């Protein structure tokens, strides 16, 4: 007997799940891009080498006598490769028994959500690893002083530009302050953030940042590189569902040879500081302890 028209089939449900997965990821990245104020979103091809540059040099003393030769101040930029834009591939397989015992939502949809969170975590880690190599240095006793010193260093580094500052902190370093302060928090891409924190800029909180450290840079220094997974080349060979950003592609498919449901995701998203010399790593120093009896 022929199947009736408009019958809901397994493939229809998989397509809906594909769209939901890609839209959630794309929306999350969009929110992060907005929070970070990123204006440069650069589409790259796989294998493109990413580089950051450093500016070095010294300003010579300009106090020269009348008629004497003015000494030359020499500056140079050097580029350092930090890796390639790669297409990361992920796959999850769910058995028929798991779906039968736990239900489709718990076995497939909920585990898809955890997979999505882990993909985001990997992207955040790469970003924080990049910021950790910043050449600017600051420190201060306590959170507010360390933030203020990082802010001051950024004003020096970008003194010829109007910038908005961004700071990355471990949540444990700000928990005591938030316990008594009335602040409004928001979230994007698995990170909580606070706008205009202490009037210094936007603070992003994530446990990937080492406790006691602050990564600070200008929002204008952050670039989003990505491989469009909805591009023509990949589309010729594979069927992925993506949103208009092209940040991630997802495909759900049933494998009847072993009765499993596969979730396959591909993404090539990377956040980097273009000028590593414009990143300040500030240390939160503990206050000195006065010995008992003094």
C-alpha atoms as a PDB file:
ATOM      1  CA  UNK A   1       0.000   0.000   0.000  1.00  0.00           C
ATOM      2  CA  UNK A   2       1.407   3.417  -0.980  1.00  0.00           C
ATOM      3  CA  UNK A   3       2.246   5.910   1.771  1.00  0.00           C
ATOM      4  CA  UNK A   4      -0.336   8.661   2.153  1.00  0.00           C
ATOM      5  CA  UNK A   5       0.531  12.176   1.055  1.00  0.00           C
ATOM      6  CA  UNK A   6       2.029  14.442   3.753  1.00  0.00           C
ATOM      7  CA  UNK A   7       2.859  11.537   6.051  1.00  0.00           C
ATOM      8  CA  UNK A   8       5.377  12.608   8.673  1.00  0.00           C
ATOM      9  CA  UNK A   9       8.550  10.599   8.109  1.00  0.00           C
ATOM     10  CA  UNK A  10      11.786  10.165  10.051  1.00  0.00           C
ATOM     11  CA  UNK A  11      13.664  12.230   7.453  1.00  0.00           C
ATOM     12  CA  UNK A  12      11.338  15.184   8.071  1.00  0.00           C
ATOM     13  CA  UNK A  13      12.092  15.134  11.788  1.00  0.00           C
ATOM     14  CA  UNK A  14      15.825  14.917  11.143  1.00  0.00           C
ATOM     15  CA  UNK A  15      15.647  17.974   8.908  1.00  0.00           C
ATOM     16  CA  UNK A  16      13.874  19.951  11.618  1.00  0.00           C
ATOM     17  CA  UNK A  17      16.572  18.895  14.080  1.00  0.00           C
ATOM     18  CA  UNK A  18      19.269  19.988  11.596  1.00  0.00           C
ATOM     19  CA  UNK A  19      17.733  23.441  11.305  1.00  0.00           C
ATOM     20  CA  UNK A  20      17.310  23.795  15.072  1.00  0.00           C
ATOM     21  CA  UNK A  21      20.933  22.792  15.712  1.00  0.00           C
ATOM     22  CA  UNK A  22      22.414  25.198  13.156  1.00  0.00           C
ATOM     23  CA  UNK A  23      20.123  28.100  14.119  1.00  0.00           C
ATOM     24  CA  UNK A  24      21.030  27.788  17.804  1.00  0.00           C
ATOM     25  CA  UNK A  25      24.736  27.826  17.009  1.00  0.00           C
ATOM     26  CA  UNK A  26      24.433  30.682  14.524  1.00  0.00           C
ATOM     27  CA  UNK A  27      22.332  32.761  16.920  1.00  0.00           C
ATOM     28  CA  UNK A  28      24.798  32.159  19.745  1.00  0.00           C
ATOM     29  CA  UNK A  29      27.748  33.286  17.615  1.00  0.00           C
ATOM     30  CA  UNK A  30      25.796  36.344  16.463  1.00  0.00           C
ATOM     31  CA  UNK A  31      25.158  37.338  20.077  1.00  0.00           C
ATOM     32  CA  UNK A  32      28.851  36.953  20.892  1.00  0.00           C
ATOM     33  CA  UNK A  33      29.867  38.976  17.834  1.00  0.00           C
ATOM     34  CA  UNK A  34      27.469  41.704  18.919  1.00  0.00           C
ATOM     35  CA  UNK A  35      28.706  41.654  22.527  1.00  0.00           C
ATOM     36  CA  UNK A  36      32.341  41.799  21.433  1.00  0.00           C
ATOM     37  CA  UNK A  37      31.578  44.529  18.923  1.00  0.00           C
ATOM     38  CA  UNK A  38      33.279  42.574  16.137  1.00  0.00           C
ATOM     39  CA  UNK A  39      33.013  44.382  12.818  1.00  0.00           C
ATOM     40  CA  UNK A  40      35.421  42.193  10.871  1.00  0.00           C
ATOM     41  CA  UNK A  41      34.041  38.773   9.972  1.00  0.00           C
ATOM     42  CA  UNK A  42      36.401  37.261   7.421  1.00  0.00           C
ATOM     43  CA  UNK A  43      35.491  34.190   5.386  1.00  0.00           C
ATOM     44  CA  UNK A  44      38.521  32.004   4.703  1.00  0.00           C
ATOM     45  CA  UNK A  45      39.230  28.852   2.762  1.00  0.00           C
ATOM     46  CA  UNK A  46      40.430  25.729   4.552  1.00  0.00           C
ATOM     47  CA  UNK A  47      44.196  25.675   4.993  1.00  0.00           C
ATOM     48  CA  UNK A  48      44.562  29.468   5.209  1.00  0.00           C
ATOM     49  CA  UNK A  49      47.363  30.340   7.628  1.00  0.00           C
ATOM     50  CA  UNK A  50      46.343  32.826  10.313  1.00  0.00           C
ATOM     51  CA  UNK A  51      48.911  35.375  11.412  1.00  0.00           C
ATOM     52  CA  UNK A  52      49.135  37.917  14.184  1.00  0.00           C
ATOM     53  CA  UNK A  53      51.502  40.820  14.065  1.00  0.00           C
ATOM     54  CA  UNK A  54      53.669  42.586  16.584  1.00  0.00           C
ATOM     55  CA  UNK A  55      54.933  46.148  16.369  1.00  0.00           C
ATOM     56  CA  UNK A  56      58.405  46.736  17.794  1.00  0.00           C
ATOM     57  CA  UNK A  57      60.700  49.738  17.833  1.00  0.00           C
ATOM     58  CA  UNK A  58      62.009  52.595  19.892  1.00  0.00           C
ATOM     59  CA  UNK A  59      61.499  56.337  19.770  1.00  0.00           C
ATOM     60  CA  UNK A  60      64.876  58.079  19.772  1.00  0.00           C
ATOM     61  CA  UNK A  61      65.590  61.139  21.877  1.00  0.00           C
ATOM     62  CA  UNK A  62      64.409  64.207  19.999  1.00  0.00           C
ATOM     63  CA  UNK A  63      66.518  66.670  21.986  1.00  0.00           C
ATOM     64  CA  UNK A  64      69.164  67.525  19.380  1.00  0.00           C
ATOM     65  CA  UNK A  65      71.244  70.655  19.080  1.00  0.00           C
ATOM     66  CA  UNK A  66      70.742  73.160  16.312  1.00  0.00           C
ATOM     67  CA  UNK A  67      72.059  71.854  13.012  1.00  0.00           C
ATOM     68  CA  UNK A  68      72.710  68.304  14.274  1.00  0.00           C
ATOM     69  CA  UNK A  69      71.327  65.225  12.551  1.00  0.00           C
ATOM     70  CA  UNK A  70      68.045  64.024  14.016  1.00  0.00           C
ATOM     71  CA  UNK A  71      68.343  60.359  15.069  1.00  0.00           C
ATOM     72  CA  UNK A  72      66.104  57.911  13.255  1.00  0.00           C
ATOM     73  CA  UNK A  73      63.377  56.148  15.155  1.00  0.00           C
ATOM     74  CA  UNK A  74      62.915  52.688  13.686  1.00  0.00           C
ATOM     75  CA  UNK A  75      59.779  50.604  13.931  1.00  0.00           C
ATOM     76  CA  UNK A  76      58.890  47.340  12.287  1.00  0.00           C
ATOM     77  CA  UNK A  77      56.041  44.868  12.168  1.00  0.00           C
ATOM     78  CA  UNK A  78      56.617  41.150  12.287  1.00  0.00           C
ATOM     79  CA  UNK A  79      54.058  38.481  11.496  1.00  0.00           C
ATOM     80  CA  UNK A  80      53.831  35.216  13.360  1.00  0.00           C
ATOM     81  CA  UNK A  81      51.673  32.302  12.195  1.00  0.00           C
ATOM     82  CA  UNK A  82      49.314  31.005  14.869  1.00  0.00           C
ATOM     83  CA  UNK A  83      47.762  28.146  12.924  1.00  0.00           C
ATOM     84  CA  UNK A  84      45.439  27.342  10.075  1.00  0.00           C
ATOM     85  CA  UNK A  85      41.742  27.872   9.631  1.00  0.00           C
ATOM     86  CA  UNK A  86      40.617  24.267   9.759  1.00  0.00           C
ATOM     87  CA  UNK A  87      37.281  22.626   9.226  1.00  0.00           C
ATOM     88  CA  UNK A  88      36.540  20.795  12.477  1.00  0.00           C
ATOM     89  CA  UNK A  89      34.404  17.667  12.119  1.00  0.00           C
ATOM     90  CA  UNK A  90      32.276  16.079  14.820  1.00  0.00           C
ATOM     91  CA  UNK A  91      30.100  12.964  14.885  1.00  0.00           C
ATOM     92  CA  UNK A  92      27.781  11.386  17.433  1.00  0.00           C
ATOM     93  CA  UNK A  93      26.040   8.042  17.114  1.00  0.00           C
ATOM     94  CA  UNK A  94      22.926   7.029  19.057  1.00  0.00           C
ATOM     95  CA  UNK A  95      21.724   3.430  19.109  1.00  0.00           C
ATOM     96  CA  UNK A  96      18.162   2.276  18.562  1.00  0.00           C
ATOM     97  CA  UNK A  97      18.224   0.763  22.061  1.00  0.00           C
ATOM     98  CA  UNK A  98      19.117   4.137  23.621  1.00  0.00           C
ATOM     99  CA  UNK A  99      16.297   5.827  21.721  1.00  0.00           C
ATOM    100  CA  UNK A 100      13.857   3.093  22.690  1.00  0.00           C
ATOM    101  CA  UNK A 101      14.815   3.160  26.373  1.00  0.00           C
ATOM    102  CA  UNK A 102      15.270   6.908  26.904  1.00  0.00           C
ATOM    103  CA  UNK A 103      13.109   8.419  24.182  1.00  0.00           C
ATOM    104  CA  UNK A 104      14.216  10.416  21.133  1.00  0.00           C
ATOM    105  CA  UNK A 105      14.435  13.741  22.981  1.00  0.00           C
ATOM    106  CA  UNK A 106      16.748  12.534  25.733  1.00  0.00           C
ATOM    107  CA  UNK A 107      18.821  10.194  23.567  1.00  0.00           C
ATOM    108  CA  UNK A 108      19.297  12.434  20.520  1.00  0.00           C
ATOM    109  CA  UNK A 109      18.136  16.028  21.027  1.00  0.00           C
ATOM    110  CA  UNK A 110      19.530  16.524  24.546  1.00  0.00           C
ATOM    111  CA  UNK A 111      22.862  14.937  23.625  1.00  0.00           C
ATOM    112  CA  UNK A 112      22.961  17.119  20.493  1.00  0.00           C
ATOM    113  CA  UNK A 113      22.688  20.138  22.799  1.00  0.00           C
ATOM    114  CA  UNK A 114      25.649  18.909  24.869  1.00  0.00           C
ATOM    115  CA  UNK A 115      27.626  18.322  21.673  1.00  0.00           C
ATOM    116  CA  UNK A 116      26.845  21.891  20.600  1.00  0.00           C
ATOM    117  CA  UNK A 117      28.059  23.233  23.950  1.00  0.00           C
ATOM    118  CA  UNK A 118      31.310  21.275  23.651  1.00  0.00           C
ATOM    119  CA  UNK A 119      31.934  22.648  20.136  1.00  0.00           C
ATOM    120  CA  UNK A 120      31.474  26.168  21.492  1.00  0.00           C
ATOM    121  CA  UNK A 121      33.819  25.359  24.382  1.00  0.00           C
ATOM    122  CA  UNK A 122      36.559  24.373  21.938  1.00  0.00           C
ATOM    123  CA  UNK A 123      36.188  27.654  20.035  1.00  0.00           C
ATOM    124  CA  UNK A 124      36.348  29.654  23.269  1.00  0.00           C
ATOM    125  CA  UNK A 125      39.478  27.784  24.391  1.00  0.00           C
ATOM    126  CA  UNK A 126      41.288  28.608  21.145  1.00  0.00           C
ATOM    127  CA  UNK A 127      40.360  32.268  21.614  1.00  0.00           C
ATOM    128  CA  UNK A 128      41.581  32.368  25.215  1.00  0.00           C
ATOM    129  CA  UNK A 129      44.783  30.529  24.286  1.00  0.00           C
ATOM    130  CA  UNK A 130      45.431  33.297  21.757  1.00  0.00           C
ATOM    131  CA  UNK A 131      44.794  36.040  24.310  1.00  0.00           C
ATOM    132  CA  UNK A 132      47.111  34.326  26.817  1.00  0.00           C
ATOM    133  CA  UNK A 133      50.063  35.113  24.526  1.00  0.00           C
ATOM    134  CA  UNK A 134      49.451  38.866  24.787  1.00  0.00           C
ATOM    135  CA  UNK A 135      52.625  40.857  25.325  1.00  0.00           C
ATOM    136  CA  UNK A 136      51.134  43.645  27.451  1.00  0.00           C
ATOM    137  CA  UNK A 137      51.613  43.265  31.199  1.00  0.00           C
ATOM    138  CA  UNK A 138      49.748  44.768  34.156  1.00  0.00           C
ATOM    139  CA  UNK A 139      48.943  43.913  37.757  1.00  0.00           C
ATOM    140  CA  UNK A 140      47.024  45.292  40.689  1.00  0.00           C
ATOM    141  CA  UNK A 141      46.072  44.357  44.234  1.00  0.00           C
ATOM    142  CA  UNK A 142      42.519  43.070  44.017  1.00  0.00           C
ATOM    143  CA  UNK A 143      40.065  42.865  41.130  1.00  0.00           C
ATOM    144  CA  UNK A 144      39.327  46.560  40.645  1.00  0.00           C
ATOM    145  CA  UNK A 145      42.988  47.603  40.707  1.00  0.00           C
ATOM    146  CA  UNK A 146      44.004  44.859  38.253  1.00  0.00           C
ATOM    147  CA  UNK A 147      41.194  45.858  35.886  1.00  0.00           C
ATOM    148  CA  UNK A 148      42.113  49.526  36.170  1.00  0.00           C
ATOM    149  CA  UNK A 149      45.766  48.804  35.412  1.00  0.00           C
ATOM    150  CA  UNK A 150      44.764  46.721  32.362  1.00  0.00           C
ATOM    151  CA  UNK A 151      42.512  49.576  31.218  1.00  0.00           C
ATOM    152  CA  UNK A 152      45.402  52.022  31.606  1.00  0.00           C
ATOM    153  CA  UNK A 153      47.727  49.846  29.541  1.00  0.00           C
ATOM    154  CA  UNK A 154      45.110  49.635  26.773  1.00  0.00           C
ATOM    155  CA  UNK A 155      44.786  53.417  26.710  1.00  0.00           C
ATOM    156  CA  UNK A 156      48.544  53.640  26.161  1.00  0.00           C
ATOM    157  CA  UNK A 157      48.641  50.902  23.526  1.00  0.00           C
ATOM    158  CA  UNK A 158      45.737  52.393  21.578  1.00  0.00           C
ATOM    159  CA  UNK A 159      46.243  56.040  22.471  1.00  0.00           C
ATOM    160  CA  UNK A 160      45.696  57.162  18.878  1.00  0.00           C
ATOM    161  CA  UNK A 161      42.398  55.286  18.556  1.00  0.00           C
ATOM    162  CA  UNK A 162      38.990  55.468  20.131  1.00  0.00           C
ATOM    163  CA  UNK A 163      38.441  51.985  21.531  1.00  0.00           C
ATOM    164  CA  UNK A 164      36.033  49.934  23.577  1.00  0.00           C
ATOM    165  CA  UNK A 165      37.744  47.630  26.053  1.00  0.00           C
ATOM    166  CA  UNK A 166      36.954  43.947  26.625  1.00  0.00           C
ATOM    167  CA  UNK A 167      38.162  41.907  29.600  1.00  0.00           C
ATOM    168  CA  UNK A 168      38.103  38.117  30.054  1.00  0.00           C
ATOM    169  CA  UNK A 169      37.981  36.856  33.660  1.00  0.00           C
ATOM    170  CA  UNK A 170      37.438  33.681  35.611  1.00  0.00           C
ATOM    171  CA  UNK A 171      34.026  33.833  37.374  1.00  0.00           C
ATOM    172  CA  UNK A 172      35.662  33.018  40.720  1.00  0.00           C
ATOM    173  CA  UNK A 173      37.618  36.281  40.569  1.00  0.00           C
ATOM    174  CA  UNK A 174      34.470  38.383  40.392  1.00  0.00           C
ATOM    175  CA  UNK A 175      32.054  36.317  42.492  1.00  0.00           C
ATOM    176  CA  UNK A 176      32.702  38.244  45.738  1.00  0.00           C
ATOM    177  CA  UNK A 177      32.039  41.559  43.995  1.00  0.00           C
ATOM    178  CA  UNK A 178      28.826  40.319  42.376  1.00  0.00           C
ATOM    179  CA  UNK A 179      27.563  39.065  45.742  1.00  0.00           C
ATOM    180  CA  UNK A 180      27.030  42.630  46.929  1.00  0.00           C
ATOM    181  CA  UNK A 181      26.819  44.689  43.708  1.00  0.00           C
ATOM    182  CA  UNK A 182      23.677  45.371  41.707  1.00  0.00           C
ATOM    183  CA  UNK A 183      24.725  44.589  38.138  1.00  0.00           C
ATOM    184  CA  UNK A 184      22.911  43.279  35.097  1.00  0.00           C
ATOM    185  CA  UNK A 185      24.396  40.193  33.418  1.00  0.00           C
ATOM    186  CA  UNK A 186      23.793  38.803  29.945  1.00  0.00           C
ATOM    187  CA  UNK A 187      24.951  35.654  28.180  1.00  0.00           C
ATOM    188  CA  UNK A 188      26.338  34.755  24.761  1.00  0.00           C
ATOM    189  CA  UNK A 189      28.131  31.698  23.404  1.00  0.00           C
ATOM    190  CA  UNK A 190      28.401  30.065  26.817  1.00  0.00           C
ATOM    191  CA  UNK A 191      29.787  33.172  28.504  1.00  0.00           C
ATOM    192  CA  UNK A 192      28.244  35.591  30.954  1.00  0.00           C
ATOM    193  CA  UNK A 193      29.121  39.208  30.320  1.00  0.00           C
ATOM    194  CA  UNK A 194      28.597  42.574  31.998  1.00  0.00           C
ATOM    195  CA  UNK A 195      28.569  45.762  29.966  1.00  0.00           C
ATOM    196  CA  UNK A 196      30.269  48.935  31.214  1.00  0.00           C
ATOM    197  CA  UNK A 197      31.649  47.190  34.293  1.00  0.00           C
ATOM    198  CA  UNK A 198      33.031  49.832  36.692  1.00  0.00           C
ATOM    199  CA  UNK A 199      32.956  52.206  33.731  1.00  0.00           C
ATOM    200  CA  UNK A 200      35.969  50.407  32.189  1.00  0.00           C
ATOM    201  CA  UNK A 201      34.371  48.277  29.461  1.00  0.00           C
ATOM    202  CA  UNK A 202      32.701  44.900  28.932  1.00  0.00           C
ATOM    203  CA  UNK A 203      33.708  41.993  31.178  1.00  0.00           C
ATOM    204  CA  UNK A 204      33.310  38.410  29.921  1.00  0.00           C
ATOM    205  CA  UNK A 205      33.323  35.539  32.415  1.00  0.00           C
ATOM    206  CA  UNK A 206      34.448  32.014  31.643  1.00  0.00           C
ATOM    207  CA  UNK A 207      36.251  29.284  33.563  1.00  0.00           C
ATOM    208  CA  UNK A 208      38.702  28.785  30.671  1.00  0.00           C
ATOM    209  CA  UNK A 209      40.482  31.947  31.852  1.00  0.00           C
ATOM    210  CA  UNK A 210      42.967  31.043  34.626  1.00  0.00           C
ATOM    211  CA  UNK A 211      41.962  32.272  38.063  1.00  0.00           C
ATOM    212  CA  UNK A 212      43.909  35.380  38.976  1.00  0.00           C
ATOM    213  CA  UNK A 213      44.417  36.488  35.368  1.00  0.00           C
ATOM    214  CA  UNK A 214      42.651  39.064  33.211  1.00  0.00           C
ATOM    215  CA  UNK A 215      42.939  39.118  29.416  1.00  0.00           C
ATOM    216  CA  UNK A 216      42.227  42.603  28.121  1.00  0.00           C
ATOM    217  CA  UNK A 217      42.168  44.047  24.622  1.00  0.00           C
ATOM    218  CA  UNK A 218      40.291  46.479  22.425  1.00  0.00           C
ATOM    219  CA  UNK A 219      37.131  45.081  20.893  1.00  0.00           C
ATOM    220  CA  UNK A 220      38.374  46.490  17.581  1.00  0.00           C
ATOM    221  CA  UNK A 221      41.372  44.135  17.830  1.00  0.00           C
ATOM    222  CA  UNK A 222      39.225  40.980  17.718  1.00  0.00           C
ATOM    223  CA  UNK A 223      38.563  39.274  14.385  1.00  0.00           C
ATOM    224  CA  UNK A 224      36.221  36.403  13.519  1.00  0.00           C
ATOM    225  CA  UNK A 225      37.582  34.028  10.882  1.00  0.00           C
ATOM    226  CA  UNK A 226      35.396  31.262   9.528  1.00  0.00           C
ATOM    227  CA  UNK A 227      35.060  28.744   6.727  1.00  0.00           C
ATOM    228  CA  UNK A 228      31.559  29.074   5.207  1.00  0.00           C
ATOM    229  CA  UNK A 229      30.149  25.560   5.463  1.00  0.00           C
ATOM    230  CA  UNK A 230      27.279  26.554   3.170  1.00  0.00           C
ATOM    231  CA  UNK A 231      29.731  27.392   0.378  1.00  0.00           C
ATOM    232  CA  UNK A 232      29.447  25.882  -3.069  1.00  0.00           C
ATOM    233  CA  UNK A 233      32.399  23.512  -2.749  1.00  0.00           C
ATOM    234  CA  UNK A 234      31.151  21.619   0.298  1.00  0.00           C
ATOM    235  CA  UNK A 235      27.607  21.735  -1.002  1.00  0.00           C
ATOM    236  CA  UNK A 236      28.643  19.844  -4.117  1.00  0.00           C
ATOM    237  CA  UNK A 237      29.710  16.823  -2.088  1.00  0.00           C
ATOM    238  CA  UNK A 238      27.737  16.927   1.158  1.00  0.00           C
ATOM    239  CA  UNK A 239      24.253  17.786   2.352  1.00  0.00           C
ATOM    240  CA  UNK A 240      24.521  20.015   5.396  1.00  0.00           C
ATOM    241  CA  UNK A 241      21.892  22.254   6.898  1.00  0.00           C
ATOM    242  CA  UNK A 242      23.145  25.704   7.891  1.00  0.00           C
ATOM    243  CA  UNK A 243      21.733  29.126   8.572  1.00  0.00           C
ATOM    244  CA  UNK A 244      22.661  32.254   6.643  1.00  0.00           C
ATOM    245  CA  UNK A 245      25.884  32.739   8.651  1.00  0.00           C
ATOM    246  CA  UNK A 246      27.459  29.514   7.405  1.00  0.00           C
ATOM    247  CA  UNK A 247      29.255  29.104  10.748  1.00  0.00           C
ATOM    248  CA  UNK A 248      28.170  25.485  11.229  1.00  0.00           C
ATOM    249  CA  UNK A 249      26.676  22.719   9.143  1.00  0.00           C
ATOM    250  CA  UNK A 250      24.666  19.812  10.550  1.00  0.00           C
ATOM    251  CA  UNK A 251      23.358  16.564   9.125  1.00  0.00           C
ATOM    252  CA  UNK A 252      21.240  13.914  10.824  1.00  0.00           C
ATOM    253  CA  UNK A 253      20.914  10.519   9.216  1.00  0.00           C
ATOM    254  CA  UNK A 254      19.718   7.057  10.172  1.00  0.00           C
ATOM    255  CA  UNK A 255      22.104   4.164   9.528  1.00  0.00           C
ATOM    256  CA  UNK A 256      20.022   1.050   9.012  1.00  0.00           C
ATOM    257  CA  UNK A 257      23.033  -1.253   8.807  1.00  0.00           C
ATOM    258  CA  UNK A 258      23.439  -1.019  12.592  1.00  0.00           C
ATOM    259  CA  UNK A 259      20.261   0.849  13.585  1.00  0.00           C
ATOM    260  CA  UNK A 260      21.862   4.030  14.819  1.00  0.00           C
ATOM    261  CA  UNK A 261      21.062   7.709  14.399  1.00  0.00           C
ATOM    262  CA  UNK A 262      24.085   9.799  13.405  1.00  0.00           C
ATOM    263  CA  UNK A 263      24.619  13.483  14.083  1.00  0.00           C
ATOM    264  CA  UNK A 264      27.422  15.020  12.013  1.00  0.00           C
ATOM    265  CA  UNK A 265      28.527  18.631  12.446  1.00  0.00           C
ATOM    266  CA  UNK A 266      31.246  20.673  10.729  1.00  0.00           C
ATOM    267  CA  UNK A 267      32.482  24.097  11.707  1.00  0.00           C
ATOM    268  CA  UNK A 268      35.426  26.329  10.946  1.00  0.00           C
ATOM    269  CA  UNK A 269      35.010  29.270  13.339  1.00  0.00           C
ATOM    270  CA  UNK A 270      37.891  31.019  15.077  1.00  0.00           C
ATOM    271  CA  UNK A 271      38.197  34.170  17.190  1.00  0.00           C
ATOM    272  CA  UNK A 272      41.613  35.832  17.310  1.00  0.00           C
ATOM    273  CA  UNK A 273      43.322  39.029  18.396  1.00  0.00           C
ATOM    274  CA  UNK A 274      44.840  40.421  15.223  1.00  0.00           C
ATOM    275  CA  UNK A 275      47.539  42.428  17.000  1.00  0.00           C
ATOM    276  CA  UNK A 276      48.915  40.367  19.884  1.00  0.00           C
ATOM    277  CA  UNK A 277      50.839  43.436  21.056  1.00  0.00           C
ATOM    278  CA  UNK A 278      47.438  44.971  21.793  1.00  0.00           C
ATOM    279  CA  UNK A 279      46.529  42.307  24.370  1.00  0.00           C
ATOM    280  CA  UNK A 280      47.279  42.908  28.055  1.00  0.00           C
ATOM    281  CA  UNK A 281      47.574  40.070  30.566  1.00  0.00           C
ATOM    282  CA  UNK A 282      46.868  41.508  34.012  1.00  0.00           C
ATOM    283  CA  UNK A 283      47.508  39.673  37.283  1.00  0.00           C
ATOM    284  CA  UNK A 284      45.167  40.017  40.257  1.00  0.00           C
ATOM    285  CA  UNK A 285      47.515  40.187  43.227  1.00  0.00           C
ATOM    286  CA  UNK A 286      46.373  39.262  46.707  1.00  0.00           C
ATOM    287  CA  UNK A 287      46.587  41.932  49.410  1.00  0.00           C
ATOM    288  CA  UNK A 288      49.489  41.634  51.812  1.00  0.00           C
ATOM    289  CA  UNK A 289      48.671  39.788  55.032  1.00  0.00           C
ATOM    290  CA  UNK A 290      49.702  41.550  58.224  1.00  0.00           C
ATOM    291  CA  UNK A 291      51.160  39.105  60.752  1.00  0.00           C
ATOM    292  CA  UNK A 292      49.125  38.649  63.930  1.00  0.00           C
ATOM    293  CA  UNK A 293      50.325  40.886  66.734  1.00  0.00           C
ATOM    294  CA  UNK A 294      51.750  43.665  64.548  1.00  0.00           C
END
